[in-house]
Amino acid sequence: MGLRHIEAFQPQVVIVLDDPAARYVMLPLIRHPNIAIVFSGMNAQPESYNESKPFMTSRRQPGGNVTGVYEKLYVGQSLRVMAAAVPGLRSGKVVMITDYSPTGNGLNPAVRE
């Protein structure tokens, strides 16, 4: 279903799940006068999408026709829980291989927490 089909259908709300939907559906529909957009499951920071096409004043005040729930990745915390549960891992090393996709870009800062 393309953007023309969405506009022809005239939904009151469009829900976008994950980064490709945010990129290819949410961004083009930002500031659409008759469509509210709710995002969920994005790995990229909302601010990254906001740089491409502004839609929010801040996370506390999204503004416009867009709101949603950012998918926070708890990688660092997950590793600490795993080390507590499996004592043999406490002295081990971890390698994480990521890329520059929205998921990879979301994981990198999460590991440092």
PDB file of N, CA and C in Angstrom:
ATOM      1  N   MET A   1       0.857  -1.172   0.000  1.00  0.00           N
ATOM      2  CA  MET A   1       0.000   0.000   0.000  1.00  0.00           C
ATOM      3  C   MET A   1       0.902   1.235   0.000  1.00  0.00           C
ATOM      4  N   GLY A   2       0.726   2.097  -0.962  1.00  0.00           N
ATOM      5  CA  GLY A   2       1.533   3.312  -1.059  1.00  0.00           C
ATOM      6  C   GLY A   2       0.902   4.476  -0.317  1.00  0.00           C
ATOM      7  N   LEU A   3       1.635   5.568  -0.271  1.00  0.00           N
ATOM      8  CA  LEU A   3       1.134   6.764   0.415  1.00  0.00           C
ATOM      9  C   LEU A   3      -0.145   7.282  -0.218  1.00  0.00           C
ATOM     10  N   ARG A   4      -0.256   7.165  -1.532  1.00  0.00           N
ATOM     11  CA  ARG A   4      -1.500   7.617  -2.192  1.00  0.00           C
ATOM     12  C   ARG A   4      -2.688   6.809  -1.709  1.00  0.00           C
ATOM     13  N   HIS A   5      -2.477   5.498  -1.494  1.00  0.00           N
ATOM     14  CA  HIS A   5      -3.571   4.654  -0.996  1.00  0.00           C
ATOM     15  C   HIS A   5      -3.963   5.049   0.425  1.00  0.00           C
ATOM     16  N   ILE A   6      -2.962   5.366   1.238  1.00  0.00           N
ATOM     17  CA  ILE A   6      -3.254   5.792   2.611  1.00  0.00           C
ATOM     18  C   ILE A   6      -4.052   7.088   2.595  1.00  0.00           C
ATOM     19  N   GLU A   7      -3.615   8.046   1.803  1.00  0.00           N
ATOM     20  CA  GLU A   7      -4.334   9.318   1.735  1.00  0.00           C
ATOM     21  C   GLU A   7      -5.735   9.143   1.168  1.00  0.00           C
ATOM     22  N   ALA A   8      -5.903   8.260   0.176  1.00  0.00           N
ATOM     23  CA  ALA A   8      -7.228   8.015  -0.401  1.00  0.00           C
ATOM     24  C   ALA A   8      -8.151   7.332   0.603  1.00  0.00           C
ATOM     25  N   PHE A   9      -7.598   6.472   1.439  1.00  0.00           N
ATOM     26  CA  PHE A   9      -8.380   5.768   2.465  1.00  0.00           C
ATOM     27  C   PHE A   9      -8.845   6.721   3.561  1.00  0.00           C
ATOM     28  N   GLN A  10      -8.118   7.813   3.765  1.00  0.00           N
ATOM     29  CA  GLN A  10      -8.421   8.850   4.743  1.00  0.00           C
ATOM     30  C   GLN A  10      -8.546   8.328   6.181  1.00  0.00           C
ATOM     31  N   PRO A  11      -7.519   7.623   6.658  1.00  0.00           N
ATOM     32  CA  PRO A  11      -7.590   7.173   8.059  1.00  0.00           C
ATOM     33  C   PRO A  11      -7.415   8.352   9.004  1.00  0.00           C
ATOM     34  N   GLN A  12      -7.961   8.230  10.186  1.00  0.00           N
ATOM     35  CA  GLN A  12      -7.749   9.263  11.193  1.00  0.00           C
ATOM     36  C   GLN A  12      -6.384   9.094  11.851  1.00  0.00           C
ATOM     37  N   VAL A  13      -5.938   7.840  11.966  1.00  0.00           N
ATOM     38  CA  VAL A  13      -4.665   7.526  12.600  1.00  0.00           C
ATOM     39  C   VAL A  13      -3.909   6.523  11.739  1.00  0.00           C
ATOM     40  N   VAL A  14      -2.608   6.751  11.600  1.00  0.00           N
ATOM     41  CA  VAL A  14      -1.708   5.792  10.964  1.00  0.00           C
ATOM     42  C   VAL A  14      -0.712   5.363  12.028  1.00  0.00           C
ATOM     43  N   ILE A  15      -0.602   4.050  12.245  1.00  0.00           N
ATOM     44  CA  ILE A  15       0.349   3.514  13.209  1.00  0.00           C
ATOM     45  C   ILE A  15       1.532   2.961  12.431  1.00  0.00           C
ATOM     46  N   VAL A  16       2.721   3.444  12.753  1.00  0.00           N
ATOM     47  CA  VAL A  16       3.928   2.958  12.077  1.00  0.00           C
ATOM     48  C   VAL A  16       4.764   2.171  13.091  1.00  0.00           C
ATOM     49  N   LEU A  17       5.142   0.973  12.691  1.00  0.00           N
ATOM     50  CA  LEU A  17       5.905   0.080  13.558  1.00  0.00           C
ATOM     51  C   LEU A  17       7.264  -0.183  12.932  1.00  0.00           C
ATOM     52  N   ASP A  18       8.305   0.192  13.612  1.00  0.00           N
ATOM     53  CA  ASP A  18       9.695  -0.037  13.247  1.00  0.00           C
ATOM     54  C   ASP A  18      10.222   1.056  12.317  1.00  0.00           C
ATOM     55  N   ASP A  19      11.518   1.015  12.109  1.00  0.00           N
ATOM     56  CA  ASP A  19      12.211   2.096  11.409  1.00  0.00           C
ATOM     57  C   ASP A  19      11.841   2.254   9.932  1.00  0.00           C
ATOM     58  N   PRO A  20      11.702   1.181   9.162  1.00  0.00           N
ATOM     59  CA  PRO A  20      11.318   1.405   7.760  1.00  0.00           C
ATOM     60  C   PRO A  20       9.966   2.110   7.629  1.00  0.00           C
ATOM     61  N   ALA A  21       9.012   1.755   8.469  1.00  0.00           N
ATOM     62  CA  ALA A  21       7.707   2.427   8.424  1.00  0.00           C
ATOM     63  C   ALA A  21       7.830   3.889   8.821  1.00  0.00           C
ATOM     64  N   ALA A  22       8.694   4.163   9.802  1.00  0.00           N
ATOM     65  CA  ALA A  22       8.916   5.564  10.196  1.00  0.00           C
ATOM     66  C   ALA A  22       9.513   6.349   9.041  1.00  0.00           C
ATOM     67  N   ARG A  23      10.488   5.756   8.385  1.00  0.00           N
ATOM     68  CA  ARG A  23      11.181   6.448   7.298  1.00  0.00           C
ATOM     69  C   ARG A  23      10.284   6.655   6.074  1.00  0.00           C
ATOM     70  N   TYR A  24       9.568   5.611   5.679  1.00  0.00           N
ATOM     71  CA  TYR A  24       8.847   5.660   4.401  1.00  0.00           C
ATOM     72  C   TYR A  24       7.379   6.045   4.507  1.00  0.00           C
ATOM     73  N   VAL A  25       6.827   6.025   5.719  1.00  0.00           N
ATOM     74  CA  VAL A  25       5.417   6.406   5.885  1.00  0.00           C
ATOM     75  C   VAL A  25       5.280   7.619   6.802  1.00  0.00           C
ATOM     76  N   MET A  26       5.893   7.542   8.001  1.00  0.00           N
ATOM     77  CA  MET A  26       5.743   8.642   8.951  1.00  0.00           C
ATOM     78  C   MET A  26       6.306   9.951   8.408  1.00  0.00           C
ATOM     79  N   LEU A  27       7.563   9.928   7.964  1.00  0.00           N
ATOM     80  CA  LEU A  27       8.190  11.179   7.522  1.00  0.00           C
ATOM     81  C   LEU A  27       7.394  11.885   6.422  1.00  0.00           C
ATOM     82  N   PRO A  28       6.950  11.173   5.376  1.00  0.00           N
ATOM     83  CA  PRO A  28       6.182  11.884   4.351  1.00  0.00           C
ATOM     84  C   PRO A  28       4.824  12.415   4.832  1.00  0.00           C
ATOM     85  N   LEU A  29       4.255  11.786   5.880  1.00  0.00           N
ATOM     86  CA  LEU A  29       2.937  12.220   6.358  1.00  0.00           C
ATOM     87  C   LEU A  29       3.009  13.262   7.479  1.00  0.00           C
ATOM     88  N   ILE A  30       4.225  13.623   7.888  1.00  0.00           N
ATOM     89  CA  ILE A  30       4.354  14.657   8.916  1.00  0.00           C
ATOM     90  C   ILE A  30       3.708  15.943   8.419  1.00  0.00           C
ATOM     91  N   ARG A  31       2.966  16.559   9.304  1.00  0.00           N
ATOM     92  CA  ARG A  31       2.211  17.791   9.039  1.00  0.00           C
ATOM     93  C   ARG A  31       1.025  17.575   8.091  1.00  0.00           C
ATOM     94  N   HIS A  32       0.641  16.336   7.840  1.00  0.00           N
ATOM     95  CA  HIS A  32      -0.572  16.092   7.054  1.00  0.00           C
ATOM     96  C   HIS A  32      -1.746  16.598   7.885  1.00  0.00           C
ATOM     97  N   PRO A  33      -2.594  17.416   7.326  1.00  0.00           N
ATOM     98  CA  PRO A  33      -3.624  18.083   8.142  1.00  0.00           C
ATOM     99  C   PRO A  33      -4.680  17.157   8.741  1.00  0.00           C
ATOM    100  N   ASN A  34      -4.907  15.980   8.165  1.00  0.00           N
ATOM    101  CA  ASN A  34      -6.014  15.145   8.625  1.00  0.00           C
ATOM    102  C   ASN A  34      -5.590  13.782   9.160  1.00  0.00           C
ATOM    103  N   ILE A  35      -4.295  13.541   9.301  1.00  0.00           N
ATOM    104  CA  ILE A  35      -3.834  12.227   9.740  1.00  0.00           C
ATOM    105  C   ILE A  35      -2.935  12.373  10.963  1.00  0.00           C
ATOM    106  N   ALA A  36      -3.307  11.673  12.038  1.00  0.00           N
ATOM    107  CA  ALA A  36      -2.451  11.576  13.218  1.00  0.00           C
ATOM    108  C   ALA A  36      -1.559  10.349  13.043  1.00  0.00           C
ATOM    109  N   ILE A  37      -0.319  10.446  13.497  1.00  0.00           N
ATOM    110  CA  ILE A  37       0.633   9.350  13.350  1.00  0.00           C
ATOM    111  C   ILE A  37       1.106   8.929  14.733  1.00  0.00           C
ATOM    112  N   VAL A  38       1.097   7.609  14.978  1.00  0.00           N
ATOM    113  CA  VAL A  38       1.612   7.048  16.220  1.00  0.00           C
ATOM    114  C   VAL A  38       2.710   6.064  15.836  1.00  0.00           C
ATOM    115  N   PHE A  39       3.919   6.283  16.387  1.00  0.00           N
ATOM    116  CA  PHE A  39       5.020   5.365  16.081  1.00  0.00           C
ATOM    117  C   PHE A  39       5.309   4.483  17.282  1.00  0.00           C
ATOM    118  N   SER A  40       5.877   3.308  16.998  1.00  0.00           N
ATOM    119  CA  SER A  40       6.320   2.394  18.034  1.00  0.00           C
ATOM    120  C   SER A  40       7.388   1.492  17.447  1.00  0.00           C
ATOM    121  N   GLY A  41       8.275   1.019  18.299  1.00  0.00           N
ATOM    122  CA  GLY A  41       9.264   0.052  17.859  1.00  0.00           C
ATOM    123  C   GLY A  41      10.417   0.622  17.059  1.00  0.00           C
ATOM    124  N   MET A  42      10.593   1.929  17.077  1.00  0.00           N
ATOM    125  CA  MET A  42      11.722   2.523  16.351  1.00  0.00           C
ATOM    126  C   MET A  42      12.996   2.299  17.152  1.00  0.00           C
ATOM    127  N   ASN A  43      14.058   1.911  16.476  1.00  0.00           N
ATOM    128  CA  ASN A  43      15.356   1.777  17.126  1.00  0.00           C
ATOM    129  C   ASN A  43      16.153   3.076  17.023  1.00  0.00           C
ATOM    130  N   ALA A  44      15.992   3.784  15.935  1.00  0.00           N
ATOM    131  CA  ALA A  44      16.669   5.072  15.780  1.00  0.00           C
ATOM    132  C   ALA A  44      16.034   6.075  16.747  1.00  0.00           C
ATOM    133  N   GLN A  45      16.834   7.014  17.198  1.00  0.00           N
ATOM    134  CA  GLN A  45      16.334   8.045  18.099  1.00  0.00           C
ATOM    135  C   GLN A  45      15.290   8.899  17.373  1.00  0.00           C
ATOM    136  N   PRO A  46      14.211   9.255  18.046  1.00  0.00           N
ATOM    137  CA  PRO A  46      13.227  10.144  17.424  1.00  0.00           C
ATOM    138  C   PRO A  46      13.871  11.443  16.923  1.00  0.00           C
ATOM    139  N   GLU A  47      14.891  11.921  17.643  1.00  0.00           N
ATOM    140  CA  GLU A  47      15.575  13.140  17.227  1.00  0.00           C
ATOM    141  C   GLU A  47      16.233  12.985  15.855  1.00  0.00           C
ATOM    142  N   SER A  48      16.674  11.775  15.518  1.00  0.00           N
ATOM    143  CA  SER A  48      17.270  11.535  14.197  1.00  0.00           C
ATOM    144  C   SER A  48      16.243  11.757  13.098  1.00  0.00           C
ATOM    145  N   TYR A  49      15.036  11.242  13.309  1.00  0.00           N
ATOM    146  CA  TYR A  49      13.976  11.467  12.324  1.00  0.00           C
ATOM    147  C   TYR A  49      13.565  12.934  12.300  1.00  0.00           C
ATOM    148  N   ASN A  50      13.583  13.570  13.457  1.00  0.00           N
ATOM    149  CA  ASN A  50      13.229  14.980  13.551  1.00  0.00           C
ATOM    150  C   ASN A  50      14.202  15.856  12.764  1.00  0.00           C
ATOM    151  N   GLU A  51      15.471  15.434  12.687  1.00  0.00           N
ATOM    152  CA  GLU A  51      16.448  16.179  11.893  1.00  0.00           C
ATOM    153  C   GLU A  51      16.101  16.107  10.403  1.00  0.00           C
ATOM    154  N   SER A  52      15.586  14.959   9.956  1.00  0.00           N
ATOM    155  CA  SER A  52      15.208  14.812   8.546  1.00  0.00           C
ATOM    156  C   SER A  52      14.009  15.667   8.187  1.00  0.00           C
ATOM    157  N   LYS A  53      13.018  15.625   9.070  1.00  0.00           N
ATOM    158  CA  LYS A  53      11.796  16.402   8.851  1.00  0.00           C
ATOM    159  C   LYS A  53      11.222  16.741  10.220  1.00  0.00           C
ATOM    160  N   PRO A  54      11.339  17.981  10.655  1.00  0.00           N
ATOM    161  CA  PRO A  54      10.924  18.346  12.012  1.00  0.00           C
ATOM    162  C   PRO A  54       9.459  18.014  12.296  1.00  0.00           C
ATOM    163  N   PHE A  55       9.253  17.362  13.446  1.00  0.00           N
ATOM    164  CA  PHE A  55       7.894  17.029  13.874  1.00  0.00           C
ATOM    165  C   PHE A  55       7.698  17.179  15.374  1.00  0.00           C
ATOM    166  N   MET A  56       8.766  17.456  16.123  1.00  0.00           N
ATOM    167  CA  MET A  56       8.604  17.563  17.566  1.00  0.00           C
ATOM    168  C   MET A  56       9.440  18.713  18.117  1.00  0.00           C
ATOM    169  N   THR A  57       8.898  19.319  19.153  1.00  0.00           N
ATOM    170  CA  THR A  57       9.624  20.342  19.880  1.00  0.00           C
ATOM    171  C   THR A  57      10.622  19.663  20.807  1.00  0.00           C
ATOM    172  N   SER A  58      10.156  18.639  21.527  1.00  0.00           N
ATOM    173  CA  SER A  58      10.978  17.833  22.416  1.00  0.00           C
ATOM    174  C   SER A  58      10.251  16.518  22.647  1.00  0.00           C
ATOM    175  N   ARG A  59      10.884  15.594  23.347  1.00  0.00           N
ATOM    176  CA  ARG A  59      10.198  14.331  23.653  1.00  0.00           C
ATOM    177  C   ARG A  59       9.001  14.564  24.563  1.00  0.00           C
ATOM    178  N   ARG A  60       9.112  15.534  25.447  1.00  0.00           N
ATOM    179  CA  ARG A  60       7.990  15.827  26.346  1.00  0.00           C
ATOM    180  C   ARG A  60       6.849  16.536  25.620  1.00  0.00           C
ATOM    181  N   GLN A  61       7.172  17.280  24.577  1.00  0.00           N
ATOM    182  CA  GLN A  61       6.171  18.007  23.803  1.00  0.00           C
ATOM    183  C   GLN A  61       6.379  17.689  22.331  1.00  0.00           C
ATOM    184  N   PRO A  62       5.864  16.531  21.884  1.00  0.00           N
ATOM    185  CA  PRO A  62       6.112  16.166  20.493  1.00  0.00           C
ATOM    186  C   PRO A  62       5.570  17.200  19.503  1.00  0.00           C
ATOM    187  N   GLY A  63       4.358  17.669  19.735  1.00  0.00           N
ATOM    188  CA  GLY A  63       3.777  18.664  18.835  1.00  0.00           C
ATOM    189  C   GLY A  63       3.343  18.051  17.514  1.00  0.00           C
ATOM    190  N   GLY A  64       2.684  18.830  16.726  1.00  0.00           N
ATOM    191  CA  GLY A  64       2.257  18.381  15.399  1.00  0.00           C
ATOM    192  C   GLY A  64       1.325  17.192  15.440  1.00  0.00           C
ATOM    193  N   ASN A  65       1.405  16.388  14.392  1.00  0.00           N
ATOM    194  CA  ASN A  65       0.501  15.254  14.255  1.00  0.00           C
ATOM    195  C   ASN A  65       1.182  13.921  14.554  1.00  0.00           C
ATOM    196  N   VAL A  66       2.318  13.948  15.260  1.00  0.00           N
ATOM    197  CA  VAL A  66       3.093  12.736  15.517  1.00  0.00           C
ATOM    198  C   VAL A  66       3.328  12.565  17.012  1.00  0.00           C
ATOM    199  N   THR A  67       3.143  11.334  17.489  1.00  0.00           N
ATOM    200  CA  THR A  67       3.510  10.960  18.850  1.00  0.00           C
ATOM    201  C   THR A  67       3.831   9.475  18.830  1.00  0.00           C
ATOM    202  N   GLY A  68       4.371   8.965  19.909  1.00  0.00           N
ATOM    203  CA  GLY A  68       4.645   7.542  19.928  1.00  0.00           C
ATOM    204  C   GLY A  68       5.500   7.114  21.087  1.00  0.00           C
ATOM    205  N   VAL A  69       5.954   5.867  20.994  1.00  0.00           N
ATOM    206  CA  VAL A  69       6.755   5.239  22.030  1.00  0.00           C
ATOM    207  C   VAL A  69       8.055   4.779  21.396  1.00  0.00           C
ATOM    208  N   TYR A  70       9.154   5.300  21.916  1.00  0.00           N
ATOM    209  CA  TYR A  70      10.481   4.935  21.431  1.00  0.00           C
ATOM    210  C   TYR A  70      10.884   3.598  22.058  1.00  0.00           C
ATOM    211  N   GLU A  71      11.512   2.725  21.291  1.00  0.00           N
ATOM    212  CA  GLU A  71      11.937   1.411  21.775  1.00  0.00           C
ATOM    213  C   GLU A  71      13.333   1.525  22.391  1.00  0.00           C
ATOM    214  N   LYS A  72      13.382   1.636  23.702  1.00  0.00           N
ATOM    215  CA  LYS A  72      14.675   1.748  24.391  1.00  0.00           C
ATOM    216  C   LYS A  72      15.294   0.361  24.483  1.00  0.00           C
ATOM    217  N   LEU A  73      16.543   0.270  24.084  1.00  0.00           N
ATOM    218  CA  LEU A  73      17.259  -0.999  24.113  1.00  0.00           C
ATOM    219  C   LEU A  73      18.126  -1.062  25.363  1.00  0.00           C
ATOM    220  N   TYR A  74      17.930  -2.076  26.166  1.00  0.00           N
ATOM    221  CA  TYR A  74      18.643  -2.222  27.434  1.00  0.00           C
ATOM    222  C   TYR A  74      19.777  -3.242  27.306  1.00  0.00           C
ATOM    223  N   VAL A  75      20.668  -3.037  26.374  1.00  0.00           N
ATOM    224  CA  VAL A  75      21.736  -3.996  26.118  1.00  0.00           C
ATOM    225  C   VAL A  75      22.702  -4.062  27.298  1.00  0.00           C
ATOM    226  N   GLY A  76      23.173  -2.916  27.763  1.00  0.00           N
ATOM    227  CA  GLY A  76      24.104  -2.902  28.885  1.00  0.00           C
ATOM    228  C   GLY A  76      23.517  -3.568  30.114  1.00  0.00           C
ATOM    229  N   GLN A  77      22.281  -3.229  30.435  1.00  0.00           N
ATOM    230  CA  GLN A  77      21.614  -3.829  31.593  1.00  0.00           C
ATOM    231  C   GLN A  77      21.417  -5.328  31.376  1.00  0.00           C
ATOM    232  N   SER A  78      21.087  -5.727  30.168  1.00  0.00           N
ATOM    233  CA  SER A  78      20.906  -7.156  29.865  1.00  0.00           C
ATOM    234  C   SER A  78      22.198  -7.925  30.081  1.00  0.00           C
ATOM    235  N   LEU A  79      23.330  -7.345  29.708  1.00  0.00           N
ATOM    236  CA  LEU A  79      24.617  -8.011  29.924  1.00  0.00           C
ATOM    237  C   LEU A  79      24.923  -8.149  31.414  1.00  0.00           C
ATOM    238  N   ARG A  80      24.600  -7.133  32.209  1.00  0.00           N
ATOM    239  CA  ARG A  80      24.822  -7.222  33.653  1.00  0.00           C
ATOM    240  C   ARG A  80      23.944  -8.310  34.274  1.00  0.00           C
ATOM    241  N   VAL A  81      22.701  -8.413  33.829  1.00  0.00           N
ATOM    242  CA  VAL A  81      21.805  -9.458  34.330  1.00  0.00           C
ATOM    243  C   VAL A  81      22.343 -10.832  33.939  1.00  0.00           C
ATOM    244  N   MET A  82      22.808 -10.974  32.704  1.00  0.00           N
ATOM    245  CA  MET A  82      23.358 -12.245  32.243  1.00  0.00           C
ATOM    246  C   MET A  82      24.582 -12.627  33.069  1.00  0.00           C
ATOM    247  N   ALA A  83      25.471 -11.666  33.361  1.00  0.00           N
ATOM    248  CA  ALA A  83      26.664 -11.948  34.171  1.00  0.00           C
ATOM    249  C   ALA A  83      26.280 -12.371  35.584  1.00  0.00           C
ATOM    250  N   ALA A  84      25.219 -11.783  36.137  1.00  0.00           N
ATOM    251  CA  ALA A  84      24.770 -12.166  37.476  1.00  0.00           C
ATOM    252  C   ALA A  84      24.161 -13.566  37.465  1.00  0.00           C
ATOM    253  N   ALA A  85      23.492 -13.911  36.385  1.00  0.00           N
ATOM    254  CA  ALA A  85      22.829 -15.215  36.301  1.00  0.00           C
ATOM    255  C   ALA A  85      23.800 -16.344  35.954  1.00  0.00           C
ATOM    256  N   VAL A  86      24.845 -16.032  35.213  1.00  0.00           N
ATOM    257  CA  VAL A  86      25.805 -17.048  34.768  1.00  0.00           C
ATOM    258  C   VAL A  86      27.186 -16.610  35.265  1.00  0.00           C
ATOM    259  N   PRO A  87      27.586 -17.085  36.451  1.00  0.00           N
ATOM    260  CA  PRO A  87      28.833 -16.615  37.060  1.00  0.00           C
ATOM    261  C   PRO A  87      30.065 -16.745  36.163  1.00  0.00           C
ATOM    262  N   GLY A  88      30.123 -17.730  35.303  1.00  0.00           N
ATOM    263  CA  GLY A  88      31.276 -17.907  34.433  1.00  0.00           C
ATOM    264  C   GLY A  88      31.467 -16.770  33.442  1.00  0.00           C
ATOM    265  N   LEU A  89      30.460 -15.973  33.219  1.00  0.00           N
ATOM    266  CA  LEU A  89      30.564 -14.852  32.282  1.00  0.00           C
ATOM    267  C   LEU A  89      31.154 -13.596  32.914  1.00  0.00           C
ATOM    268  N   ARG A  90      31.225 -13.554  34.219  1.00  0.00           N
ATOM    269  CA  ARG A  90      31.644 -12.335  34.906  1.00  0.00           C
ATOM    270  C   ARG A  90      33.044 -11.883  34.526  1.00  0.00           C
ATOM    271  N   SER A  91      33.934 -12.828  34.272  1.00  0.00           N
ATOM    272  CA  SER A  91      35.300 -12.435  33.925  1.00  0.00           C
ATOM    273  C   SER A  91      35.547 -12.492  32.426  1.00  0.00           C
ATOM    274  N   GLY A  92      34.510 -12.764  31.662  1.00  0.00           N
ATOM    275  CA  GLY A  92      34.654 -12.879  30.216  1.00  0.00           C
ATOM    276  C   GLY A  92      34.586 -11.544  29.509  1.00  0.00           C
ATOM    277  N   LYS A  93      34.775 -11.599  28.233  1.00  0.00           N
ATOM    278  CA  LYS A  93      34.693 -10.413  27.388  1.00  0.00           C
ATOM    279  C   LYS A  93      33.532 -10.586  26.429  1.00  0.00           C
ATOM    280  N   VAL A  94      32.990  -9.471  25.980  1.00  0.00           N
ATOM    281  CA  VAL A  94      31.849  -9.487  25.073  1.00  0.00           C
ATOM    282  C   VAL A  94      32.216  -8.738  23.801  1.00  0.00           C
ATOM    283  N   VAL A  95      31.867  -9.306  22.683  1.00  0.00           N
ATOM    284  CA  VAL A  95      32.028  -8.625  21.401  1.00  0.00           C
ATOM    285  C   VAL A  95      30.636  -8.400  20.839  1.00  0.00           C
ATOM    286  N   MET A  96      30.365  -7.183  20.457  1.00  0.00           N
ATOM    287  CA  MET A  96      29.090  -6.887  19.810  1.00  0.00           C
ATOM    288  C   MET A  96      29.393  -6.272  18.453  1.00  0.00           C
ATOM    289  N   ILE A  97      28.863  -6.862  17.426  1.00  0.00           N
ATOM    290  CA  ILE A  97      29.081  -6.366  16.073  1.00  0.00           C
ATOM    291  C   ILE A  97      27.796  -5.703  15.610  1.00  0.00           C
ATOM    292  N   THR A  98      27.898  -4.444  15.246  1.00  0.00           N
ATOM    293  CA  THR A  98      26.727  -3.712  14.771  1.00  0.00           C
ATOM    294  C   THR A  98      27.047  -3.065  13.431  1.00  0.00           C
ATOM    295  N   ASP A  99      26.055  -2.443  12.876  1.00  0.00           N
ATOM    296  CA  ASP A  99      26.232  -1.714  11.624  1.00  0.00           C
ATOM    297  C   ASP A  99      25.672  -0.312  11.802  1.00  0.00           C
ATOM    298  N   TYR A 100      25.528   0.404  10.728  1.00  0.00           N
ATOM    299  CA  TYR A 100      25.002   1.762  10.790  1.00  0.00           C
ATOM    300  C   TYR A 100      23.526   1.830  10.415  1.00  0.00           C
ATOM    301  N   SER A 101      22.826   0.719  10.578  1.00  0.00           N
ATOM    302  CA  SER A 101      21.377   0.713  10.375  1.00  0.00           C
ATOM    303  C   SER A 101      20.729   1.394  11.582  1.00  0.00           C
ATOM    304  N   PRO A 102      19.430   1.688  11.509  1.00  0.00           N
ATOM    305  CA  PRO A 102      18.780   2.274  12.690  1.00  0.00           C
ATOM    306  C   PRO A 102      18.922   1.389  13.929  1.00  0.00           C
ATOM    307  N   THR A 103      18.858   0.064  13.749  1.00  0.00           N
ATOM    308  CA  THR A 103      19.010  -0.827  14.900  1.00  0.00           C
ATOM    309  C   THR A 103      20.421  -0.741  15.459  1.00  0.00           C
ATOM    310  N   GLY A 104      21.427  -0.821  14.591  1.00  0.00           N
ATOM    311  CA  GLY A 104      22.813  -0.721  15.040  1.00  0.00           C
ATOM    312  C   GLY A 104      23.093   0.605  15.713  1.00  0.00           C
ATOM    313  N   ASN A 105      22.594   1.674  15.138  1.00  0.00           N
ATOM    314  CA  ASN A 105      22.792   3.003  15.739  1.00  0.00           C
ATOM    315  C   ASN A 105      22.068   3.121  17.071  1.00  0.00           C
ATOM    316  N   GLY A 106      20.991   2.382  17.253  1.00  0.00           N
ATOM    317  CA  GLY A 106      20.294   2.379  18.538  1.00  0.00           C
ATOM    318  C   GLY A 106      21.013   1.526  19.574  1.00  0.00           C
ATOM    319  N   LEU A 107      21.675   0.463  19.136  1.00  0.00           N
ATOM    320  CA  LEU A 107      22.383  -0.417  20.069  1.00  0.00           C
ATOM    321  C   LEU A 107      23.662   0.194  20.608  1.00  0.00           C
ATOM    322  N   ASN A 108      24.403   0.888  19.787  1.00  0.00           N
ATOM    323  CA  ASN A 108      25.706   1.398  20.218  1.00  0.00           C
ATOM    324  C   ASN A 108      25.639   2.246  21.473  1.00  0.00           C
ATOM    325  N   PRO A 109      24.763   3.265  21.560  1.00  0.00           N
ATOM    326  CA  PRO A 109      24.707   4.032  22.818  1.00  0.00           C
ATOM    327  C   PRO A 109      24.133   3.213  23.963  1.00  0.00           C
ATOM    328  N   ALA A 110      23.271   2.237  23.670  1.00  0.00           N
ATOM    329  CA  ALA A 110      22.650   1.437  24.721  1.00  0.00           C
ATOM    330  C   ALA A 110      23.675   0.581  25.442  1.00  0.00           C
ATOM    331  N   VAL A 111      24.731   0.142  24.771  1.00  0.00           N
ATOM    332  CA  VAL A 111      25.749  -0.681  25.387  1.00  0.00           C
ATOM    333  C   VAL A 111      26.552   0.118  26.392  1.00  0.00           C
ATOM    334  N   ARG A 112      26.728   1.387  26.145  1.00  0.00           N
ATOM    335  CA  ARG A 112      27.549   2.235  27.013  1.00  0.00           C
ATOM    336  C   ARG A 112      26.862   2.573  28.326  1.00  0.00           C
ATOM    337  N   GLU A 113      25.573   2.306  28.428  1.00  0.00           N
ATOM    338  CA  GLU A 113      24.825   2.665  29.656  1.00  0.00           C
ATOM    339  C   GLU A 113      25.213   1.788  30.825  1.00  0.00           C
TER     340      GLU A 113
END
